[in-house]
Amino acid sequence: MAISFQLLFFIVSGVIFIYIREGSFKYYALYIVFLLTYLLSRNDYFYYAFEHFIARFLTQNNAEIFTYIACLFLQIVFYNYYCRFALHFLDLDKHIRKYFNRIMRIVRNLGGLFFGWAIIAYSFNTPHLYMKLLTFLYLPIMLSIFVITFYHAISHCAKYKNFFLVGVCAFVFFCFGIVHR
């Protein structure tokens, strides 16, 4: 059910991006692609099929670790794209450019940092350390960004975007409940 809704949202955002050229929907479409990939990875059939595919190139133990870390990293990727979409959609790049650039730099650096940590966690066979970094470092940073951005968005955005902000609040509230495998 969730996958069919995400496919619908992907089609709608793709149409909006192609016909209206609203750049923020490019990030929303990428968010949906990575969210769908993550949702499929939550299905045991796809998870273990991917793990067995990776086991062709790595040992079974390394394939398990790689798959575990890759699924965690998918969360970082789709959260980052959603953050980019929200910042662009709320026109914060037009209203408070300095704040926008700073947050975009933080999000990019977090993505790169966690990619590096994924490689390190795989190299040292410590996938649970990666999950702890995700839980106790990445998520609190993103939550802090959300709270500060929410304040700026209320101050600087058009009134109709308040509906979006209510939706984002619901997203954040429910999203942190489905984070871990």
Foldseek 3Di string as FASTA:
>chain_A
DVLVVLVVLLVVLVCCCVPVVLVLSVLVNVLSVLVSVLVLCVDVVSVVVQLVVVCVVPPSLLSVLLSQLVSLLSVLSSLLSVVSSVCSVLVCCPFPVVLSVVVNVVSVVVNVVLVVVSVVCSVVVNSVVSVCCCVVPVLVVSVVVLVVVLVVSVVGGDPVCVVVNVVVVVCNVVVVVPNHD
